[in-house]
Amino acid sequence: MLNDLRTLARVLRDDYAPRSATESVIVSDRPHGRLRRYGSREHLDAARAAGRVPVLLVPPLAVPASCYDLAPGVDPANSVVEFLLSTGAVPYVVDFGDAARGLGFEDYFDGFVPRAIADAVGDFRAGPGTVDLLGWSLGGTLSLLTAAHRRDLPIRSIITVGTPLNYSKMPMYGAASKVLAPTDGKPIDYVLKALGGIPALLVQLSYRATAWQRELRKPKFILDNLDDHDALVRMQVIDRFQNAMPGYAGKVSEQMLVNLVVRNELGEGVLHLGGHTIDLRAVSAPVFLVGSHRDAIVSYAAARHGEKLLTSSSHVEFHTIESSHLGLLTGPDAQQHTWPAIARFRENLVSSPA
């Protein structure tokens, strides 16, 4: 009983889960583009000797880059970084940091992500000189936009997990589009401009609201798992992750509303962002997609739309894995289904740019 009370006290004061991370080094530290390489020197040397293609992890906007390294060392596994290292790959992650009000999507697909690709290839210095991009949620969108806009980049493949590719196929956004279409979204756009974007607190509350059952059941979950160290660690790490979510910058939030929701440019395949025209139908690299009927944030149809959209890709592979939005990326469902599917996809790729 005394041990249980001590455990409960540590959980309640957010002092139970270790604040650990997989071994890493900073490769480059640029504004809105800190690049981190994970793994030991031995990992790097072995991957170079084997000519393995490294993986660049692209985080979503309004989500900390730590999403790819949640609770390393626990069971079930929660770290995408640990999974990739276990396959012999070297993972890099680009950390965009806090987004400035004037940043738009074009700053990411025409600047930050291409720069991170160049830095990762320059650091790895072995193999075919290419990278695989892996993006969760909107990170997958950024990866595809980058590949479509900068076809000169050494991108071998794009791996997306729970990525929305047609906002009209998500009920809430589809309804909003019908209401806002006559004004091209201007009333809400004015509000976003006034606020400077979507505040962090609103993003955090919205994310929690998609898993309201988890929030309601949390007290009972804690009491039922006082003797389950790994379950409590994972719960607390996810809570910290949610609490660290930044908001959406002003320009990005406006583009999401007008270009992605109201005009559904993403679903149609041709986007007009920051003076650029990006045609996703021109992406030629192999693409891996994952969707779930249980995902409360990205509908199954929105994720699967990539099969119809990416008509020039040399190979489009879609997987149905029933889990939550975060569960597609990390945790028991990811460990059992998503990660092995990604490993098989990468193993089957040829070692040359698509």
Protein backbone atom coordinates (compact mmCIF):
# COMPACT_ATOMS: atom_id res chain seq x y z
CA MET A 1 0.00 0.00 0.00
CA LEU A 2 2.81 2.43 0.89
CA ASN A 3 4.53 1.79 -2.42
CA ASP A 4 1.25 2.38 -4.25
CA LEU A 5 0.79 5.72 -2.51
CA ARG A 6 4.32 6.74 -3.40
CA THR A 7 3.73 5.79 -7.03
CA LEU A 8 0.45 7.72 -7.09
CA ALA A 9 2.13 10.80 -5.63
CA ARG A 10 4.89 10.69 -8.25
CA VAL A 11 2.37 10.33 -11.06
CA LEU A 12 0.27 13.24 -9.81
CA ARG A 13 3.24 15.57 -9.61
CA ASP A 14 4.50 14.50 -13.05
CA ASP A 15 7.62 12.93 -11.61
CA TYR A 16 7.18 9.28 -12.55
CA ALA A 17 8.27 8.88 -16.16
CA PRO A 18 11.97 9.54 -16.80
CA ARG A 19 12.73 12.50 -19.02
CA SER A 20 14.95 10.37 -21.23
CA ALA A 21 15.74 10.39 -24.92
CA THR A 22 17.68 8.18 -27.30
CA GLU A 23 21.34 9.07 -27.72
CA SER A 24 21.76 11.77 -30.35
CA VAL A 25 23.93 14.60 -31.65
CA ILE A 26 23.06 17.93 -33.25
CA VAL A 27 24.19 17.91 -36.89
CA SER A 28 23.16 21.47 -37.71
CA ASP A 29 21.40 24.16 -35.71
CA ARG A 30 19.63 26.49 -38.10
CA PRO A 31 16.61 28.70 -37.42
CA HIS A 32 13.46 26.53 -37.73
CA GLY A 33 15.58 23.59 -38.78
CA ARG A 34 17.67 22.01 -36.04
CA LEU A 35 18.80 18.63 -37.38
CA ARG A 36 19.46 15.82 -34.91
CA ARG A 37 21.04 12.45 -35.70
CA TYR A 38 20.10 9.55 -33.43
CA GLY A 39 22.20 6.57 -32.45
CA SER A 40 25.75 5.91 -31.36
CA ARG A 41 28.89 6.26 -33.43
CA GLU A 42 28.81 2.49 -33.83
CA HIS A 43 25.29 2.72 -35.31
CA LEU A 44 26.48 5.33 -37.79
CA ASP A 45 29.59 3.40 -38.81
CA ALA A 46 27.63 0.16 -39.29
CA ALA A 47 24.95 1.89 -41.40
CA ARG A 48 27.59 3.58 -43.54
CA ALA A 49 29.46 0.33 -44.07
CA ALA A 50 26.24 -1.43 -45.08
CA GLY A 51 25.21 1.42 -47.39
CA ARG A 52 21.85 1.77 -45.66
CA VAL A 53 19.67 4.71 -46.64
CA PRO A 54 19.06 7.05 -43.67
CA VAL A 55 15.59 8.21 -42.66
CA LEU A 56 14.65 11.86 -42.15
CA LEU A 57 11.76 12.21 -39.71
CA VAL A 58 9.54 15.19 -40.53
CA PRO A 59 7.29 16.24 -37.64
CA PRO A 60 3.85 17.77 -38.09
CA LEU A 61 3.38 21.45 -37.47
CA ALA A 62 2.04 22.25 -33.98
CA VAL A 63 3.63 19.04 -32.66
CA PRO A 64 7.02 18.73 -30.94
CA ALA A 65 9.66 16.73 -32.79
CA SER A 66 9.88 14.45 -29.72
CA CYS A 67 6.83 12.60 -31.13
CA TYR A 68 9.33 10.26 -32.80
CA ASP A 69 11.17 9.38 -29.58
CA LEU A 70 8.49 8.97 -26.92
CA ALA A 71 9.45 6.90 -23.87
CA PRO A 72 12.49 5.01 -25.22
CA GLY A 73 13.18 1.77 -23.43
CA VAL A 74 9.64 0.88 -22.33
CA ASP A 75 7.51 -2.08 -23.35
CA PRO A 76 5.40 -1.95 -25.52
CA ALA A 77 7.82 0.15 -27.53
CA ASN A 78 7.04 3.83 -28.04
CA SER A 79 10.03 5.24 -29.90
CA VAL A 80 10.06 5.30 -33.70
CA VAL A 81 13.75 6.21 -33.40
CA GLU A 82 14.48 3.01 -31.47
CA PHE A 83 12.60 0.97 -34.08
CA LEU A 84 14.59 2.47 -36.95
CA LEU A 85 17.89 1.95 -35.16
CA SER A 86 16.93 -1.69 -34.58
CA THR A 87 16.66 -2.15 -38.37
CA GLY A 88 20.16 -0.77 -38.89
CA ALA A 89 18.98 2.59 -40.23
CA VAL A 90 20.22 5.96 -39.00
CA PRO A 91 17.32 8.30 -38.17
CA TYR A 92 17.56 12.08 -38.41
CA VAL A 93 14.84 14.43 -37.20
CA VAL A 94 14.31 18.04 -38.22
CA ASP A 95 12.98 20.22 -35.40
CA PHE A 96 11.14 23.28 -36.70
CA GLY A 97 10.91 24.87 -33.25
CA ASP A 98 8.31 27.54 -32.54
CA ALA A 99 6.73 28.77 -35.75
CA ALA A 100 6.83 32.50 -36.44
CA ARG A 101 3.65 34.28 -37.44
CA GLY A 102 4.77 34.96 -41.01
CA LEU A 103 5.84 31.41 -41.89
CA GLY A 104 3.78 29.61 -44.50
CA PHE A 105 3.84 26.10 -45.92
CA GLU A 106 6.23 27.31 -48.61
CA ASP A 107 8.89 28.04 -45.97
CA TYR A 108 8.84 24.35 -45.05
CA PHE A 109 8.63 22.59 -48.43
CA ASP A 110 10.88 25.11 -50.20
CA GLY A 111 13.30 25.81 -47.35
CA PHE A 112 13.43 23.98 -44.05
CA VAL A 113 12.84 20.40 -45.25
CA PRO A 114 15.10 20.59 -48.36
CA ARG A 115 17.84 22.09 -46.20
CA ALA A 116 17.48 19.27 -43.67
CA ILE A 117 17.69 16.70 -46.48
CA ALA A 118 20.91 18.25 -47.74
CA ASP A 119 22.37 18.36 -44.23
CA ALA A 120 21.42 14.73 -43.53
CA VAL A 121 22.91 13.46 -46.81
CA GLY A 122 26.04 15.53 -46.20
CA ASP A 123 26.42 14.17 -42.69
CA PHE A 124 25.81 10.53 -43.60
CA ARG A 125 28.34 10.53 -46.48
CA ALA A 126 27.80 6.94 -47.58
CA GLY A 127 25.59 4.71 -49.68
CA PRO A 128 23.56 6.05 -52.61
CA GLY A 129 23.26 9.58 -51.19
CA THR A 130 19.49 9.46 -50.74
CA VAL A 131 17.05 9.61 -47.82
CA ASP A 132 13.65 8.19 -47.01
CA LEU A 133 11.25 10.78 -45.61
CA LEU A 134 8.94 9.63 -42.80
CA GLY A 135 6.17 11.95 -41.64
CA TRP A 136 3.35 11.47 -39.16
CA SER A 137 0.10 13.35 -39.78
CA LEU A 138 0.82 16.77 -41.31
CA GLY A 139 4.51 15.79 -41.39
CA GLY A 140 3.56 13.41 -44.19
CA THR A 141 1.89 16.27 -46.04
CA LEU A 142 5.04 18.38 -45.74
CA SER A 143 7.10 15.45 -47.02
CA LEU A 144 4.89 14.99 -50.08
CA LEU A 145 4.81 18.73 -50.80
CA THR A 146 8.60 18.81 -50.64
CA ALA A 147 8.97 15.85 -53.00
CA ALA A 148 6.48 17.37 -55.46
CA HIS A 149 7.99 20.85 -55.38
CA ARG A 150 11.69 19.93 -55.34
CA ARG A 151 12.02 16.99 -57.68
CA ASP A 152 15.79 17.49 -57.75
CA LEU A 153 16.15 16.36 -54.13
CA PRO A 154 17.63 12.92 -53.36
CA ILE A 155 14.41 11.47 -51.91
CA ARG A 156 14.22 7.70 -52.32
CA SER A 157 10.73 7.29 -50.82
CA ILE A 158 8.06 8.97 -48.71
CA ILE A 159 6.49 7.19 -45.73
CA THR A 160 3.33 8.75 -44.30
CA VAL A 161 1.48 7.71 -41.16
CA GLY A 162 -2.06 8.96 -40.53
CA THR A 163 -1.65 11.75 -43.09
CA PRO A 164 -4.74 13.66 -44.30
CA LEU A 165 -4.76 13.93 -48.10
CA ASN A 166 -8.32 15.13 -48.69
CA TYR A 167 -9.97 17.41 -46.13
CA SER A 168 -13.38 17.09 -47.80
CA LYS A 169 -13.38 13.45 -46.68
CA MET A 170 -13.18 14.45 -43.02
CA PRO A 171 -16.73 15.21 -41.81
CA MET A 172 -15.95 18.28 -39.72
CA TYR A 173 -13.82 19.92 -42.40
CA GLY A 174 -16.18 18.91 -45.19
CA ALA A 175 -19.07 20.62 -43.41
CA ALA A 176 -16.97 23.71 -42.71
CA SER A 177 -16.00 23.92 -46.36
CA LYS A 178 -19.64 24.01 -47.49
CA VAL A 179 -20.44 26.81 -45.04
CA LEU A 180 -17.35 28.89 -45.78
CA ALA A 181 -17.02 28.32 -49.53
CA PRO A 182 -19.23 31.29 -50.58
CA THR A 183 -16.87 33.71 -48.78
CA ASP A 184 -13.67 31.70 -49.43
CA GLY A 185 -13.32 31.40 -45.66
CA LYS A 186 -12.82 35.12 -45.10
CA PRO A 187 -14.76 35.47 -41.78
CA ILE A 188 -12.62 32.81 -40.07
CA ASP A 189 -9.52 33.99 -41.91
CA TYR A 190 -9.96 37.44 -40.35
CA VAL A 191 -10.14 35.84 -36.90
CA LEU A 192 -6.97 33.84 -37.51
CA LYS A 193 -5.18 36.97 -38.68
CA ALA A 194 -6.28 38.81 -35.55
CA LEU A 195 -5.14 35.98 -33.28
CA GLY A 196 -1.90 35.43 -35.17
CA GLY A 197 -2.84 31.80 -35.75
CA ILE A 198 -4.30 29.06 -33.57
CA PRO A 199 -3.09 29.39 -29.95
CA ALA A 200 -1.21 26.49 -28.35
CA LEU A 201 -3.85 26.01 -25.64
CA LEU A 202 -6.58 25.54 -28.23
CA VAL A 203 -4.45 23.02 -30.14
CA GLN A 204 -3.80 21.06 -26.94
CA LEU A 205 -7.46 21.07 -25.89
CA SER A 206 -8.57 20.04 -29.38
CA TYR A 207 -6.15 17.11 -29.42
CA ARG A 208 -7.32 15.94 -25.98
CA ALA A 209 -10.94 16.27 -27.06
CA THR A 210 -10.40 13.67 -29.80
CA ALA A 211 -9.56 11.16 -27.05
CA TRP A 212 -12.00 12.33 -24.40
CA GLN A 213 -12.64 8.75 -23.26
CA ARG A 214 -8.96 8.48 -22.35
CA GLU A 215 -9.17 11.67 -20.30
CA LEU A 216 -12.28 10.50 -18.45
CA ARG A 217 -10.82 7.08 -17.72
CA LYS A 218 -7.41 8.36 -16.67
CA PRO A 219 -8.04 8.34 -12.85
CA LYS A 220 -9.20 4.72 -12.99
CA PHE A 221 -6.38 3.80 -15.36
CA ILE A 222 -3.82 5.18 -12.91
CA LEU A 223 -5.30 3.30 -9.95
CA ASP A 224 -5.58 0.06 -11.94
CA ASN A 225 -1.96 0.27 -13.11
CA LEU A 226 -0.06 1.37 -10.01
CA ASP A 227 1.99 -1.82 -10.31
CA ASP A 228 2.52 -1.50 -14.09
CA HIS A 229 5.57 0.71 -14.49
CA ASP A 230 5.61 0.83 -18.30
CA ALA A 231 1.89 1.65 -18.61
CA LEU A 232 2.23 4.64 -16.28
CA VAL A 233 5.42 5.81 -17.99
CA ARG A 234 3.73 5.76 -21.40
CA MET A 235 0.68 7.60 -20.06
CA GLN A 236 2.78 10.34 -18.50
CA VAL A 237 5.03 10.74 -21.54
CA ILE A 238 1.97 11.15 -23.78
CA ASP A 239 0.56 13.74 -21.38
CA ARG A 240 3.83 15.68 -21.49
CA PHE A 241 3.84 15.43 -25.28
CA GLN A 242 0.32 16.84 -25.49
CA ASN A 243 1.14 19.64 -23.06
CA ALA A 244 4.14 20.66 -25.20
CA MET A 245 2.14 21.15 -28.41
CA PRO A 246 2.74 24.63 -29.84
CA GLY A 247 0.10 26.51 -31.79
CA TYR A 248 -0.20 26.98 -35.54
CA ALA A 249 1.48 30.08 -36.91
CA GLY A 250 -0.72 32.73 -38.48
CA LYS A 251 0.06 32.20 -42.16
CA VAL A 252 0.08 28.41 -41.94
CA SER A 253 -3.28 28.38 -40.15
CA GLU A 254 -4.74 30.67 -42.83
CA GLN A 255 -3.42 28.44 -45.62
CA MET A 256 -4.83 25.36 -43.90
CA LEU A 257 -8.24 26.99 -43.73
CA VAL A 258 -8.38 28.44 -47.24
CA ASN A 259 -6.23 26.11 -49.36
CA LEU A 260 -6.73 22.77 -47.62
CA VAL A 261 -10.24 23.03 -46.16
CA VAL A 262 -12.29 25.54 -48.15
CA ARG A 263 -10.73 25.01 -51.60
CA ASN A 264 -9.69 21.38 -51.00
CA GLU A 265 -6.57 21.91 -53.10
CA LEU A 266 -4.80 19.03 -51.38
CA GLY A 267 -7.55 16.59 -52.30
CA GLU A 268 -7.53 17.82 -55.90
CA GLY A 269 -3.75 17.46 -56.05
CA VAL A 270 -2.71 20.96 -57.10
CA LEU A 271 -1.92 23.56 -54.43
CA HIS A 272 -1.19 27.27 -54.72
CA LEU A 273 0.94 28.27 -51.75
CA GLY A 274 3.14 31.33 -51.37
CA GLY A 275 3.48 31.97 -55.07
CA HIS A 276 4.22 28.32 -55.85
CA THR A 277 2.08 25.79 -57.68
CA ILE A 278 2.66 22.27 -56.36
CA ASP A 279 1.28 19.26 -58.20
CA LEU A 280 1.24 16.21 -55.94
CA ARG A 281 0.28 14.10 -58.93
CA ALA A 282 3.88 14.54 -60.12
CA VAL A 283 5.45 12.73 -57.14
CA SER A 284 7.33 9.80 -58.68
CA ALA A 285 9.01 8.25 -55.62
CA PRO A 286 7.48 5.19 -53.94
CA VAL A 287 4.97 6.14 -51.23
CA PHE A 288 3.84 4.25 -48.12
CA LEU A 289 0.48 5.21 -46.55
CA VAL A 290 -1.27 4.17 -43.34
CA GLY A 291 -4.84 4.87 -42.26
CA SER A 292 -7.30 3.75 -39.60
CA HIS A 293 -11.08 3.67 -39.14
CA ARG A 294 -10.42 4.41 -35.44
CA ASP A 295 -8.42 7.57 -36.07
CA ALA A 296 -10.48 10.44 -34.60
CA ILE A 297 -8.32 13.12 -36.25
CA VAL A 298 -7.73 11.86 -39.81
CA SER A 299 -10.51 9.85 -41.41
CA TYR A 300 -9.74 6.59 -43.14
CA ALA A 301 -10.97 7.97 -46.47
CA ALA A 302 -8.77 11.07 -46.15
CA ALA A 303 -5.68 8.95 -45.56
CA ARG A 304 -6.50 6.43 -48.30
CA HIS A 305 -7.11 9.19 -50.86
CA GLY A 306 -3.39 9.04 -51.60
CA GLU A 307 -4.00 5.92 -53.71
CA LYS A 308 -6.06 8.02 -56.13
CA LEU A 309 -3.98 11.17 -55.80
CA LEU A 310 -0.40 9.99 -56.34
CA THR A 311 -0.82 8.83 -59.92
CA SER A 312 2.82 9.25 -60.97
CA SER A 313 4.34 7.39 -58.03
CA SER A 314 6.25 4.27 -59.04
CA HIS A 315 4.60 2.42 -56.15
CA VAL A 316 1.83 3.39 -53.73
CA GLU A 317 1.30 1.05 -50.82
CA PHE A 318 -1.61 1.56 -48.40
CA HIS A 319 -1.99 -0.24 -45.07
CA THR A 320 -5.07 -0.39 -42.86
CA ILE A 321 -4.04 -0.53 -39.21
CA GLU A 322 -6.80 0.00 -36.68
CA SER A 323 -5.53 2.33 -33.99
CA SER A 324 -5.76 5.91 -32.74
CA HIS A 325 -3.99 8.77 -34.49
CA LEU A 326 -0.97 8.57 -32.18
CA GLY A 327 -1.32 4.79 -31.91
CA LEU A 328 -0.56 4.46 -35.61
CA LEU A 329 2.87 5.91 -34.91
CA THR A 330 3.84 4.67 -31.47
CA GLY A 331 2.76 2.07 -28.93
CA PRO A 332 1.57 -1.55 -29.17
CA ASP A 333 -0.36 -1.24 -32.47
CA ALA A 334 2.55 0.52 -34.14
CA GLN A 335 5.02 -2.01 -32.77
CA GLN A 336 2.96 -4.96 -34.01
CA HIS A 337 1.74 -3.59 -37.33
CA THR A 338 2.96 -0.17 -38.52
CA TRP A 339 6.66 -0.61 -37.88
CA PRO A 340 7.01 -4.09 -39.44
CA ALA A 341 5.13 -2.84 -42.52
CA ILE A 342 7.50 0.14 -42.80
CA ALA A 343 10.50 -2.17 -42.41
CA ARG A 344 9.24 -4.43 -45.22
CA PHE A 345 8.53 -1.43 -47.46
CA ARG A 346 12.07 -0.09 -46.99
CA GLU A 347 13.64 -3.51 -47.49
CA ASN A 348 11.91 -3.83 -50.85
CA LEU A 349 13.10 -0.48 -52.16
CA VAL A 350 15.89 -0.30 -54.69
CA SER A 351 18.96 1.61 -53.51
CA SER A 352 18.64 4.47 -55.98
CA PRO A 353 16.51 7.61 -56.30
CA ALA A 354 13.04 6.94 -57.70
